Amino acid sequence: MSRHAVITVRVPAKVNVQLGVGGLRPDGFHDLANVFFAVALGDLVTARQGAGVKLTCEGPGSDQVPLDDSNLAARAAYALAAHHGIEANVALHIEKAIPVAGGMAGGSADGAAALVACDALWELGTPTEVLHELAAELGSDVPFALLGGVALGRDRGETLSPLPVPGTFQWIFAVADGGLSTPAVFRECDRLRAEAGTGHTSEQVTTPDADPALLAALAAGDPKALAAALTNDLQPAAVSLRPSLAETLRVGTAAGALAALVSGSGPTTAFLAQDAESAESVARALRESGTCRAAHVTYGPVPGAAVLAD
């Protein structure tokens, strides 16, 4: 029995400051050059002793979160228990702040948080590298939620190289009504490329790499330089499936954002601001425009999933 009756883990959302999408691989995934950036907008996952794995959830969009064994938090608990040859007995409560199905890896974040929470609750002392291996088996974005900060993800995005980033960047995230399916956005990306004659197979699309200008902007802590280098190869597909996103992007840019892009596979849109005051102004304009359900001001980079102190 753990000395701690309750363990709470805070875990960050992510924005992809570069999402380069390569061709379709034989395994059905795409090669990626994926620069993850962790932001302070995050979920809380609380673990208590229980019989079997039970899930509860509250917060915006919680009615869309599955509470069965398909949830990544539940799968994380089972995976960790199986690795150690123990029974998975835990009650997990998820407090949502990360938009659900919003392109900010909220489900993956909860999976990472559950790994950390269960490891602490069950007093397993699992080595970090083993947690990362388990995370990679759960999903492409789960390892970064453990790591946090800023990192380049290769292959499916799960092979991570941390990037040193000094200072803090100011962000605004506009939450759209409803979600977008990540697989559907990738399929639309392939369709648009085929339609344009650029193809979608690994032979027709060059494997992407990190943009040197973007890496230099991050290393310098320069928001204007970063704004000029932000890219997301999935953005045309997300806007194709959800045309209203174009107006949200326009409103945020017109309100003074240095740059705007769809976050991951969408439909959440991300705006980079010069400073905190400008970020509040952009968020206010987005809320007043009626083009989004909510606009959150936050900052980053921040650490990955971590147990909150008692």
C-alpha atoms as a PDB file:
ATOM      1  CA  MET A   1       0.000   0.000   0.000  1.00  0.00           C
ATOM      2  CA  SER A   2       1.335   3.432  -0.930  1.00  0.00           C
ATOM      3  CA  ARG A   3       2.274   5.875   1.780  1.00  0.00           C
ATOM      4  CA  HIS A   4       0.297   8.391  -0.276  1.00  0.00           C
ATOM      5  CA  ALA A   5      -3.443   7.871  -0.433  1.00  0.00           C
ATOM      6  CA  VAL A   6      -3.794  10.317  -3.331  1.00  0.00           C
ATOM      7  CA  ILE A   7      -1.353  11.288  -6.088  1.00  0.00           C
ATOM      8  CA  THR A   8      -2.093  14.244  -8.390  1.00  0.00           C
ATOM      9  CA  VAL A   9      -0.115  14.861 -11.572  1.00  0.00           C
ATOM     10  CA  ARG A  10      -0.150  18.019 -13.676  1.00  0.00           C
ATOM     11  CA  VAL A  11       0.512  17.455 -17.381  1.00  0.00           C
ATOM     12  CA  PRO A  12       0.862  20.040 -20.171  1.00  0.00           C
ATOM     13  CA  ALA A  13      -0.817  20.457 -23.520  1.00  0.00           C
ATOM     14  CA  LYS A  14       1.380  20.789 -26.591  1.00  0.00           C
ATOM     15  CA  VAL A  15       1.482  22.928 -29.692  1.00  0.00           C
ATOM     16  CA  ASN A  16       3.474  21.860 -32.735  1.00  0.00           C
ATOM     17  CA  VAL A  17       5.600  24.823 -33.743  1.00  0.00           C
ATOM     18  CA  GLN A  18       6.660  22.753 -36.730  1.00  0.00           C
ATOM     19  CA  LEU A  19       4.695  19.793 -38.028  1.00  0.00           C
ATOM     20  CA  GLY A  20       6.357  18.469 -41.156  1.00  0.00           C
ATOM     21  CA  VAL A  21       4.479  15.498 -42.614  1.00  0.00           C
ATOM     22  CA  GLY A  22       6.285  13.037 -44.846  1.00  0.00           C
ATOM     23  CA  GLY A  23       4.898  10.243 -46.970  1.00  0.00           C
ATOM     24  CA  LEU A  24       2.646   7.392 -45.919  1.00  0.00           C
ATOM     25  CA  ARG A  25       4.739   4.524 -44.532  1.00  0.00           C
ATOM     26  CA  PRO A  26       4.035   0.786 -44.923  1.00  0.00           C
ATOM     27  CA  ASP A  27       2.820   0.705 -41.304  1.00  0.00           C
ATOM     28  CA  GLY A  28       0.115   3.264 -42.098  1.00  0.00           C
ATOM     29  CA  PHE A  29       1.816   6.130 -40.251  1.00  0.00           C
ATOM     30  CA  HIS A  30       3.619   9.141 -41.707  1.00  0.00           C
ATOM     31  CA  ASP A  31       7.233  10.127 -41.108  1.00  0.00           C
ATOM     32  CA  LEU A  32       7.231  13.377 -39.143  1.00  0.00           C
ATOM     33  CA  ALA A  33       9.506  16.240 -38.221  1.00  0.00           C
ATOM     34  CA  ASN A  34       7.497  17.355 -35.254  1.00  0.00           C
ATOM     35  CA  VAL A  35       8.732  20.143 -32.983  1.00  0.00           C
ATOM     36  CA  PHE A  36       6.665  19.835 -29.811  1.00  0.00           C
ATOM     37  CA  PHE A  37       6.293  22.796 -27.440  1.00  0.00           C
ATOM     38  CA  ALA A  38       4.697  22.250 -23.990  1.00  0.00           C
ATOM     39  CA  VAL A  39       2.435  24.998 -22.650  1.00  0.00           C
ATOM     40  CA  ALA A  40       1.061  25.706 -19.182  1.00  0.00           C
ATOM     41  CA  LEU A  41      -2.538  24.943 -20.194  1.00  0.00           C
ATOM     42  CA  GLY A  42      -2.838  21.424 -18.803  1.00  0.00           C
ATOM     43  CA  ASP A  43      -4.867  18.659 -17.199  1.00  0.00           C
ATOM     44  CA  LEU A  44      -4.752  17.242 -13.675  1.00  0.00           C
ATOM     45  CA  VAL A  45      -4.915  13.477 -13.190  1.00  0.00           C
ATOM     46  CA  THR A  46      -5.486  12.143  -9.668  1.00  0.00           C
ATOM     47  CA  ALA A  47      -4.868   8.516  -8.685  1.00  0.00           C
ATOM     48  CA  ARG A  48      -6.278   6.717  -5.640  1.00  0.00           C
ATOM     49  CA  GLN A  49      -6.252   3.072  -4.630  1.00  0.00           C
ATOM     50  CA  GLY A  50      -9.192   1.212  -6.119  1.00  0.00           C
ATOM     51  CA  ALA A  51     -10.439  -2.165  -7.278  1.00  0.00           C
ATOM     52  CA  GLY A  52      -9.632  -2.588 -10.964  1.00  0.00           C
ATOM     53  CA  VAL A  53      -9.267   0.520 -13.135  1.00  0.00           C
ATOM     54  CA  LYS A  54     -12.022   3.092 -12.794  1.00  0.00           C
ATOM     55  CA  LEU A  55     -12.149   6.477 -14.563  1.00  0.00           C
ATOM     56  CA  THR A  56     -14.032   9.693 -13.852  1.00  0.00           C
ATOM     57  CA  CYS A  57     -13.696  13.032 -15.606  1.00  0.00           C
ATOM     58  CA  GLU A  58     -14.792  16.650 -15.207  1.00  0.00           C
ATOM     59  CA  GLY A  59     -14.216  19.932 -17.008  1.00  0.00           C
ATOM     60  CA  PRO A  60     -14.912  21.346 -20.490  1.00  0.00           C
ATOM     61  CA  GLY A  61     -15.608  18.583 -23.005  1.00  0.00           C
ATOM     62  CA  SER A  62     -15.583  15.867 -20.342  1.00  0.00           C
ATOM     63  CA  ASP A  63     -18.798  14.417 -21.777  1.00  0.00           C
ATOM     64  CA  GLN A  64     -16.758  13.487 -24.886  1.00  0.00           C
ATOM     65  CA  VAL A  65     -14.056  11.635 -22.910  1.00  0.00           C
ATOM     66  CA  PRO A  66     -14.452   7.829 -22.936  1.00  0.00           C
ATOM     67  CA  LEU A  67     -14.456   6.349 -19.453  1.00  0.00           C
ATOM     68  CA  ASP A  68     -13.817   2.760 -20.502  1.00  0.00           C
ATOM     69  CA  ASP A  69     -10.615   0.842 -21.197  1.00  0.00           C
ATOM     70  CA  SER A  70     -10.115   2.674 -24.523  1.00  0.00           C
ATOM     71  CA  ASN A  71      -9.060   5.805 -22.611  1.00  0.00           C
ATOM     72  CA  LEU A  72      -5.284   6.285 -22.739  1.00  0.00           C
ATOM     73  CA  ALA A  73      -5.165   6.892 -18.995  1.00  0.00           C
ATOM     74  CA  ALA A  74      -6.739   3.473 -18.360  1.00  0.00           C
ATOM     75  CA  ARG A  75      -4.475   1.852 -20.944  1.00  0.00           C
ATOM     76  CA  ALA A  76      -1.462   3.442 -19.244  1.00  0.00           C
ATOM     77  CA  ALA A  77      -2.457   1.969 -15.879  1.00  0.00           C
ATOM     78  CA  TYR A  78      -2.858  -1.498 -17.380  1.00  0.00           C
ATOM     79  CA  ALA A  79       0.446  -1.235 -19.288  1.00  0.00           C
ATOM     80  CA  LEU A  80       2.413  -0.179 -16.218  1.00  0.00           C
ATOM     81  CA  ALA A  81       0.863  -2.896 -14.060  1.00  0.00           C
ATOM     82  CA  ALA A  82       1.512  -5.547 -16.714  1.00  0.00           C
ATOM     83  CA  HIS A  83       5.156  -4.470 -17.011  1.00  0.00           C
ATOM     84  CA  HIS A  84       5.636  -5.023 -13.279  1.00  0.00           C
ATOM     85  CA  GLY A  85       3.474  -8.144 -13.087  1.00  0.00           C
ATOM     86  CA  ILE A  86       0.963  -6.655 -10.646  1.00  0.00           C
ATOM     87  CA  GLU A  87      -2.779  -6.097 -10.634  1.00  0.00           C
ATOM     88  CA  ALA A  88      -3.993  -2.757 -11.972  1.00  0.00           C
ATOM     89  CA  ASN A  89      -6.016  -1.339  -9.080  1.00  0.00           C
ATOM     90  CA  VAL A  90      -6.560   2.405  -9.292  1.00  0.00           C
ATOM     91  CA  ALA A  91      -9.281   5.044  -9.441  1.00  0.00           C
ATOM     92  CA  LEU A  92      -8.238   7.797 -11.861  1.00  0.00           C
ATOM     93  CA  HIS A  93      -9.913  11.201 -11.977  1.00  0.00           C
ATOM     94  CA  ILE A  94      -9.174  13.523 -14.908  1.00  0.00           C
ATOM     95  CA  GLU A  95      -9.721  17.272 -14.569  1.00  0.00           C
ATOM     96  CA  LYS A  96      -9.798  18.575 -18.138  1.00  0.00           C
ATOM     97  CA  ALA A  97      -8.474  21.936 -19.262  1.00  0.00           C
ATOM     98  CA  ILE A  98      -6.833  20.784 -22.512  1.00  0.00           C
ATOM     99  CA  PRO A  99      -9.423  20.942 -25.344  1.00  0.00           C
ATOM    100  CA  VAL A 100     -10.860  17.500 -26.122  1.00  0.00           C
ATOM    101  CA  ALA A 101     -10.090  16.323 -29.691  1.00  0.00           C
ATOM    102  CA  GLY A 102      -8.506  19.720 -30.217  1.00  0.00           C
ATOM    103  CA  GLY A 103      -5.080  18.911 -31.636  1.00  0.00           C
ATOM    104  CA  MET A 104      -3.257  19.601 -28.357  1.00  0.00           C
ATOM    105  CA  ALA A 105      -2.712  15.946 -27.326  1.00  0.00           C
ATOM    106  CA  GLY A 106      -5.067  16.030 -24.347  1.00  0.00           C
ATOM    107  CA  GLY A 107      -5.722  12.296 -24.398  1.00  0.00           C
ATOM    108  CA  SER A 108      -2.028  11.559 -24.762  1.00  0.00           C
ATOM    109  CA  ALA A 109      -1.281  13.940 -21.897  1.00  0.00           C
ATOM    110  CA  ASP A 110      -3.701  12.056 -19.659  1.00  0.00           C
ATOM    111  CA  GLY A 111      -2.008   8.783 -20.594  1.00  0.00           C
ATOM    112  CA  ALA A 112       1.379  10.195 -19.610  1.00  0.00           C
ATOM    113  CA  ALA A 113      -0.030  11.593 -16.376  1.00  0.00           C
ATOM    114  CA  ALA A 114      -1.574   8.237 -15.504  1.00  0.00           C
ATOM    115  CA  LEU A 115       1.790   6.512 -15.983  1.00  0.00           C
ATOM    116  CA  VAL A 116       3.439   8.954 -13.575  1.00  0.00           C
ATOM    117  CA  ALA A 117       0.552   8.913 -11.096  1.00  0.00           C
ATOM    118  CA  CYS A 118       0.256   5.126 -10.946  1.00  0.00           C
ATOM    119  CA  ASP A 119       4.028   4.714 -10.689  1.00  0.00           C
ATOM    120  CA  ALA A 120       4.028   6.993  -7.643  1.00  0.00           C
ATOM    121  CA  LEU A 121       0.854   5.547  -6.098  1.00  0.00           C
ATOM    122  CA  TRP A 122       2.084   1.972  -6.449  1.00  0.00           C
ATOM    123  CA  GLU A 123       5.643   2.987  -5.393  1.00  0.00           C
ATOM    124  CA  LEU A 124       7.210   1.196  -8.348  1.00  0.00           C
ATOM    125  CA  GLY A 125      10.148   3.496  -9.030  1.00  0.00           C
ATOM    126  CA  THR A 126      10.038   2.710 -12.751  1.00  0.00           C
ATOM    127  CA  PRO A 127      13.120   4.061 -14.584  1.00  0.00           C
ATOM    128  CA  THR A 128      12.425   7.056 -16.810  1.00  0.00           C
ATOM    129  CA  GLU A 129      13.514   5.225 -19.952  1.00  0.00           C
ATOM    130  CA  VAL A 130      11.035   2.420 -19.240  1.00  0.00           C
ATOM    131  CA  LEU A 131       8.197   4.920 -18.739  1.00  0.00           C
ATOM    132  CA  HIS A 132       9.098   6.426 -22.116  1.00  0.00           C
ATOM    133  CA  GLU A 133       9.050   2.984 -23.767  1.00  0.00           C
ATOM    134  CA  LEU A 134       5.606   2.300 -22.311  1.00  0.00           C
ATOM    135  CA  ALA A 135       4.468   5.771 -23.397  1.00  0.00           C
ATOM    136  CA  ALA A 136       5.615   5.160 -26.991  1.00  0.00           C
ATOM    137  CA  GLU A 137       3.589   1.941 -27.087  1.00  0.00           C
ATOM    138  CA  LEU A 138       0.496   3.883 -26.009  1.00  0.00           C
ATOM    139  CA  GLY A 139       0.723   6.547 -28.724  1.00  0.00           C
ATOM    140  CA  SER A 140       2.977   8.857 -30.712  1.00  0.00           C
ATOM    141  CA  ASP A 141       2.352  11.962 -28.570  1.00  0.00           C
ATOM    142  CA  VAL A 142       2.500  10.311 -25.131  1.00  0.00           C
ATOM    143  CA  PRO A 143       6.308  10.366 -24.724  1.00  0.00           C
ATOM    144  CA  PHE A 144       6.463  14.143 -25.209  1.00  0.00           C
ATOM    145  CA  ALA A 145       3.834  14.715 -22.508  1.00  0.00           C
ATOM    146  CA  LEU A 146       6.224  12.918 -20.140  1.00  0.00           C
ATOM    147  CA  LEU A 147       9.217  14.954 -21.294  1.00  0.00           C
ATOM    148  CA  GLY A 148       7.746  18.458 -21.702  1.00  0.00           C
ATOM    149  CA  GLY A 149       9.792  21.508 -22.626  1.00  0.00           C
ATOM    150  CA  VAL A 150      10.540  21.630 -26.348  1.00  0.00           C
ATOM    151  CA  ALA A 151      11.669  18.636 -28.396  1.00  0.00           C
ATOM    152  CA  LEU A 152      12.058  17.431 -31.955  1.00  0.00           C
ATOM    153  CA  GLY A 153      10.048  14.280 -32.586  1.00  0.00           C
ATOM    154  CA  ARG A 154      11.012  11.977 -35.443  1.00  0.00           C
ATOM    155  CA  ASP A 155       9.583   8.752 -36.928  1.00  0.00           C
ATOM    156  CA  ARG A 156       5.940   8.824 -35.773  1.00  0.00           C
ATOM    157  CA  GLY A 157       6.862  11.660 -33.382  1.00  0.00           C
ATOM    158  CA  GLU A 158       7.795   9.352 -30.498  1.00  0.00           C
ATOM    159  CA  THR A 159      11.595   9.511 -30.952  1.00  0.00           C
ATOM    160  CA  LEU A 160      12.481  12.711 -29.094  1.00  0.00           C
ATOM    161  CA  SER A 161      15.486  15.027 -29.005  1.00  0.00           C
ATOM    162  CA  PRO A 162      15.134  17.783 -26.366  1.00  0.00           C
ATOM    163  CA  LEU A 163      15.822  21.329 -27.566  1.00  0.00           C
ATOM    164  CA  PRO A 164      17.160  24.008 -25.188  1.00  0.00           C
ATOM    165  CA  VAL A 165      14.870  27.059 -25.212  1.00  0.00           C
ATOM    166  CA  PRO A 166      15.603  30.062 -22.977  1.00  0.00           C
ATOM    167  CA  GLY A 167      12.900  32.443 -21.877  1.00  0.00           C
ATOM    168  CA  THR A 168       9.144  32.234 -22.208  1.00  0.00           C
ATOM    169  CA  PHE A 169       6.798  32.576 -25.184  1.00  0.00           C
ATOM    170  CA  GLN A 170       3.214  33.863 -24.895  1.00  0.00           C
ATOM    171  CA  TRP A 171       0.412  31.893 -26.580  1.00  0.00           C
ATOM    172  CA  ILE A 172      -3.328  32.116 -27.116  1.00  0.00           C
ATOM    173  CA  PHE A 173      -5.381  29.048 -27.986  1.00  0.00           C
ATOM    174  CA  ALA A 174      -8.818  29.431 -29.544  1.00  0.00           C
ATOM    175  CA  VAL A 175     -11.075  26.439 -28.923  1.00  0.00           C
ATOM    176  CA  ALA A 176     -13.488  25.512 -31.709  1.00  0.00           C
ATOM    177  CA  ASP A 177     -16.859  23.839 -31.283  1.00  0.00           C
ATOM    178  CA  GLY A 178     -16.533  20.098 -31.759  1.00  0.00           C
ATOM    179  CA  GLY A 179     -13.383  18.128 -32.503  1.00  0.00           C
ATOM    180  CA  LEU A 180     -11.492  16.794 -35.484  1.00  0.00           C
ATOM    181  CA  SER A 181     -10.317  13.214 -35.897  1.00  0.00           C
ATOM    182  CA  THR A 182      -6.537  13.074 -36.255  1.00  0.00           C
ATOM    183  CA  PRO A 183      -6.661  10.092 -38.674  1.00  0.00           C
ATOM    184  CA  ALA A 184      -9.266  11.954 -40.758  1.00  0.00           C
ATOM    185  CA  VAL A 185      -7.003  15.017 -40.991  1.00  0.00           C
ATOM    186  CA  PHE A 186      -4.048  12.890 -42.116  1.00  0.00           C
ATOM    187  CA  ARG A 187      -6.244  11.226 -44.738  1.00  0.00           C
ATOM    188  CA  GLU A 188      -7.363  14.639 -45.980  1.00  0.00           C
ATOM    189  CA  CYS A 189      -3.711  15.735 -46.129  1.00  0.00           C
ATOM    190  CA  ASP A 190      -2.945  12.720 -48.337  1.00  0.00           C
ATOM    191  CA  ARG A 191      -6.001  13.423 -50.491  1.00  0.00           C
ATOM    192  CA  LEU A 192      -5.082  17.077 -51.029  1.00  0.00           C
ATOM    193  CA  ARG A 193      -1.524  16.134 -51.946  1.00  0.00           C
ATOM    194  CA  ALA A 194      -2.708  13.517 -54.425  1.00  0.00           C
ATOM    195  CA  GLU A 195      -5.162  16.020 -55.904  1.00  0.00           C
ATOM    196  CA  ALA A 196      -2.353  18.563 -56.290  1.00  0.00           C
ATOM    197  CA  GLY A 197      -0.145  15.961 -57.950  1.00  0.00           C
ATOM    198  CA  THR A 198       2.425  15.929 -55.146  1.00  0.00           C
ATOM    199  CA  GLY A 199       1.483  12.401 -54.115  1.00  0.00           C
ATOM    200  CA  HIS A 200       1.330  10.893 -50.656  1.00  0.00           C
ATOM    201  CA  THR A 201       3.622   7.859 -50.677  1.00  0.00           C
ATOM    202  CA  SER A 202       7.063   7.755 -49.116  1.00  0.00           C
ATOM    203  CA  GLU A 203       8.576   7.779 -52.634  1.00  0.00           C
ATOM    204  CA  GLN A 204       6.711  10.952 -53.619  1.00  0.00           C
ATOM    205  CA  VAL A 205       7.033  13.057 -50.438  1.00  0.00           C
ATOM    206  CA  THR A 206      10.436  13.957 -49.011  1.00  0.00           C
ATOM    207  CA  THR A 207      11.006  12.947 -45.387  1.00  0.00           C
ATOM    208  CA  PRO A 208      10.821  16.237 -43.483  1.00  0.00           C
ATOM    209  CA  ASP A 209      13.486  17.660 -41.225  1.00  0.00           C
ATOM    210  CA  ALA A 210      13.545  20.387 -38.612  1.00  0.00           C
ATOM    211  CA  ASP A 211      13.734  23.912 -40.033  1.00  0.00           C
ATOM    212  CA  PRO A 212      17.095  25.490 -39.063  1.00  0.00           C
ATOM    213  CA  ALA A 213      15.454  28.941 -38.862  1.00  0.00           C
ATOM    214  CA  LEU A 214      12.882  27.635 -36.395  1.00  0.00           C
ATOM    215  CA  LEU A 215      15.525  25.938 -34.247  1.00  0.00           C
ATOM    216  CA  ALA A 216      17.572  29.150 -34.226  1.00  0.00           C
ATOM    217  CA  ALA A 217      14.525  31.216 -33.205  1.00  0.00           C
ATOM    218  CA  LEU A 218      13.774  28.844 -30.326  1.00  0.00           C
ATOM    219  CA  ALA A 219      17.412  28.835 -29.174  1.00  0.00           C
ATOM    220  CA  ALA A 220      17.436  32.644 -29.230  1.00  0.00           C
ATOM    221  CA  GLY A 221      14.108  32.961 -27.395  1.00  0.00           C
ATOM    222  CA  ASP A 222      12.986  35.313 -30.188  1.00  0.00           C
ATOM    223  CA  PRO A 223       9.172  35.411 -30.658  1.00  0.00           C
ATOM    224  CA  LYS A 224       9.267  37.392 -33.935  1.00  0.00           C
ATOM    225  CA  ALA A 225      11.747  34.985 -35.498  1.00  0.00           C
ATOM    226  CA  LEU A 226       9.716  32.025 -34.246  1.00  0.00           C
ATOM    227  CA  ALA A 227       6.555  33.546 -35.698  1.00  0.00           C
ATOM    228  CA  ALA A 228       8.194  33.718 -39.126  1.00  0.00           C
ATOM    229  CA  ALA A 229       9.147  30.024 -38.958  1.00  0.00           C
ATOM    230  CA  LEU A 230       5.944  28.394 -37.639  1.00  0.00           C
ATOM    231  CA  THR A 231       4.606  25.727 -40.025  1.00  0.00           C
ATOM    232  CA  ASN A 232       2.014  22.962 -39.958  1.00  0.00           C
ATOM    233  CA  ASP A 233       1.658  20.670 -42.986  1.00  0.00           C
ATOM    234  CA  LEU A 234      -1.710  19.483 -41.628  1.00  0.00           C
ATOM    235  CA  GLN A 235      -3.209  22.988 -41.599  1.00  0.00           C
ATOM    236  CA  PRO A 236      -4.612  22.893 -45.176  1.00  0.00           C
ATOM    237  CA  ALA A 237      -6.296  19.581 -44.389  1.00  0.00           C
ATOM    238  CA  ALA A 238      -7.769  20.831 -41.103  1.00  0.00           C
ATOM    239  CA  VAL A 239      -9.102  23.989 -42.791  1.00  0.00           C
ATOM    240  CA  SER A 240     -10.471  21.887 -45.661  1.00  0.00           C
ATOM    241  CA  LEU A 241     -12.466  19.799 -43.175  1.00  0.00           C
ATOM    242  CA  ARG A 242     -13.399  22.820 -41.027  1.00  0.00           C
ATOM    243  CA  PRO A 243     -13.444  25.938 -43.293  1.00  0.00           C
ATOM    244  CA  SER A 244     -14.526  28.202 -40.403  1.00  0.00           C
ATOM    245  CA  LEU A 245     -11.001  27.913 -38.970  1.00  0.00           C
ATOM    246  CA  ALA A 246      -9.755  30.308 -41.650  1.00  0.00           C
ATOM    247  CA  GLU A 247     -11.789  33.143 -40.121  1.00  0.00           C
ATOM    248  CA  THR A 248     -10.531  32.371 -36.610  1.00  0.00           C
ATOM    249  CA  LEU A 249      -6.961  32.520 -37.875  1.00  0.00           C
ATOM    250  CA  ARG A 250      -7.679  35.829 -39.636  1.00  0.00           C
ATOM    251  CA  VAL A 251      -9.248  37.419 -36.548  1.00  0.00           C
ATOM    252  CA  GLY A 252      -6.318  36.531 -34.297  1.00  0.00           C
ATOM    253  CA  THR A 253      -3.766  37.839 -36.774  1.00  0.00           C
ATOM    254  CA  ALA A 254      -5.723  41.056 -37.340  1.00  0.00           C
ATOM    255  CA  ALA A 255      -5.854  41.547 -33.557  1.00  0.00           C
ATOM    256  CA  GLY A 256      -2.072  41.646 -33.341  1.00  0.00           C
ATOM    257  CA  ALA A 257      -0.829  38.076 -33.068  1.00  0.00           C
ATOM    258  CA  LEU A 258       2.665  37.653 -34.480  1.00  0.00           C
ATOM    259  CA  ALA A 259       1.565  34.416 -36.162  1.00  0.00           C
ATOM    260  CA  ALA A 260      -1.333  31.999 -36.261  1.00  0.00           C
ATOM    261  CA  LEU A 261      -1.591  28.323 -37.094  1.00  0.00           C
ATOM    262  CA  VAL A 262      -3.789  25.298 -36.523  1.00  0.00           C
ATOM    263  CA  SER A 263      -2.543  23.355 -33.495  1.00  0.00           C
ATOM    264  CA  GLY A 264      -1.583  19.859 -34.616  1.00  0.00           C
ATOM    265  CA  SER A 265      -4.522  18.242 -36.396  1.00  0.00           C
ATOM    266  CA  GLY A 266      -6.911  20.928 -35.082  1.00  0.00           C
ATOM    267  CA  PRO A 267      -9.435  22.303 -34.694  1.00  0.00           C
ATOM    268  CA  THR A 268      -7.833  24.381 -31.895  1.00  0.00           C
ATOM    269  CA  THR A 269      -5.952  27.345 -33.359  1.00  0.00           C
ATOM    270  CA  ALA A 270      -2.766  28.763 -31.816  1.00  0.00           C
ATOM    271  CA  PHE A 271      -1.550  32.360 -31.814  1.00  0.00           C
ATOM    272  CA  LEU A 272       1.922  33.550 -30.823  1.00  0.00           C
ATOM    273  CA  ALA A 273       2.065  36.969 -29.138  1.00  0.00           C
ATOM    274  CA  GLN A 274       4.888  39.422 -28.519  1.00  0.00           C
ATOM    275  CA  ASP A 275       4.139  39.723 -24.793  1.00  0.00           C
ATOM    276  CA  ALA A 276       1.508  39.011 -22.131  1.00  0.00           C
ATOM    277  CA  GLU A 277      -0.369  42.276 -22.726  1.00  0.00           C
ATOM    278  CA  SER A 278      -0.649  41.608 -26.450  1.00  0.00           C
ATOM    279  CA  ALA A 279      -1.790  38.038 -25.724  1.00  0.00           C
ATOM    280  CA  GLU A 280      -4.686  39.311 -23.596  1.00  0.00           C
ATOM    281  CA  SER A 281      -5.686  41.718 -26.371  1.00  0.00           C
ATOM    282  CA  VAL A 282      -5.694  38.956 -28.992  1.00  0.00           C
ATOM    283  CA  ALA A 283      -7.691  36.650 -26.723  1.00  0.00           C
ATOM    284  CA  ARG A 284     -10.267  39.382 -26.104  1.00  0.00           C
ATOM    285  CA  ALA A 285     -10.696  39.965 -29.841  1.00  0.00           C
ATOM    286  CA  LEU A 286     -11.122  36.245 -30.469  1.00  0.00           C
ATOM    287  CA  ARG A 287     -13.771  35.920 -27.741  1.00  0.00           C
ATOM    288  CA  GLU A 288     -15.675  38.930 -29.051  1.00  0.00           C
ATOM    289  CA  SER A 289     -15.529  37.709 -32.660  1.00  0.00           C
ATOM    290  CA  GLY A 290     -17.756  34.707 -32.077  1.00  0.00           C
ATOM    291  CA  THR A 291     -15.410  32.559 -34.180  1.00  0.00           C
ATOM    292  CA  CYS A 292     -14.418  30.291 -31.278  1.00  0.00           C
ATOM    293  CA  ARG A 293     -15.943  28.816 -28.135  1.00  0.00           C
ATOM    294  CA  ALA A 294     -13.173  30.015 -25.812  1.00  0.00           C
ATOM    295  CA  ALA A 295      -9.735  31.635 -25.960  1.00  0.00           C
ATOM    296  CA  HIS A 296      -7.064  30.741 -23.398  1.00  0.00           C
ATOM    297  CA  VAL A 297      -3.935  32.778 -22.696  1.00  0.00           C
ATOM    298  CA  THR A 298      -0.960  30.715 -21.579  1.00  0.00           C
ATOM    299  CA  TYR A 299       2.798  30.445 -21.878  1.00  0.00           C
ATOM    300  CA  GLY A 300       5.624  27.987 -22.343  1.00  0.00           C
ATOM    301  CA  PRO A 301       7.728  26.015 -22.437  1.00  0.00           C
ATOM    302  CA  VAL A 302       6.892  24.138 -19.232  1.00  0.00           C
ATOM    303  CA  PRO A 303       7.986  20.748 -17.824  1.00  0.00           C
ATOM    304  CA  GLY A 304       6.269  17.461 -18.625  1.00  0.00           C
ATOM    305  CA  ALA A 305       4.018  15.358 -16.393  1.00  0.00           C
ATOM    306  CA  ALA A 306       4.958  15.814 -12.738  1.00  0.00           C
ATOM    307  CA  VAL A 307       3.545  14.902  -9.340  1.00  0.00           C
ATOM    308  CA  LEU A 308       2.231  17.917  -7.422  1.00  0.00           C
ATOM    309  CA  ALA A 309       3.791  18.428  -4.025  1.00  0.00           C
ATOM    310  CA  ASP A 310       1.637  17.609  -0.986  1.00  0.00           C
END
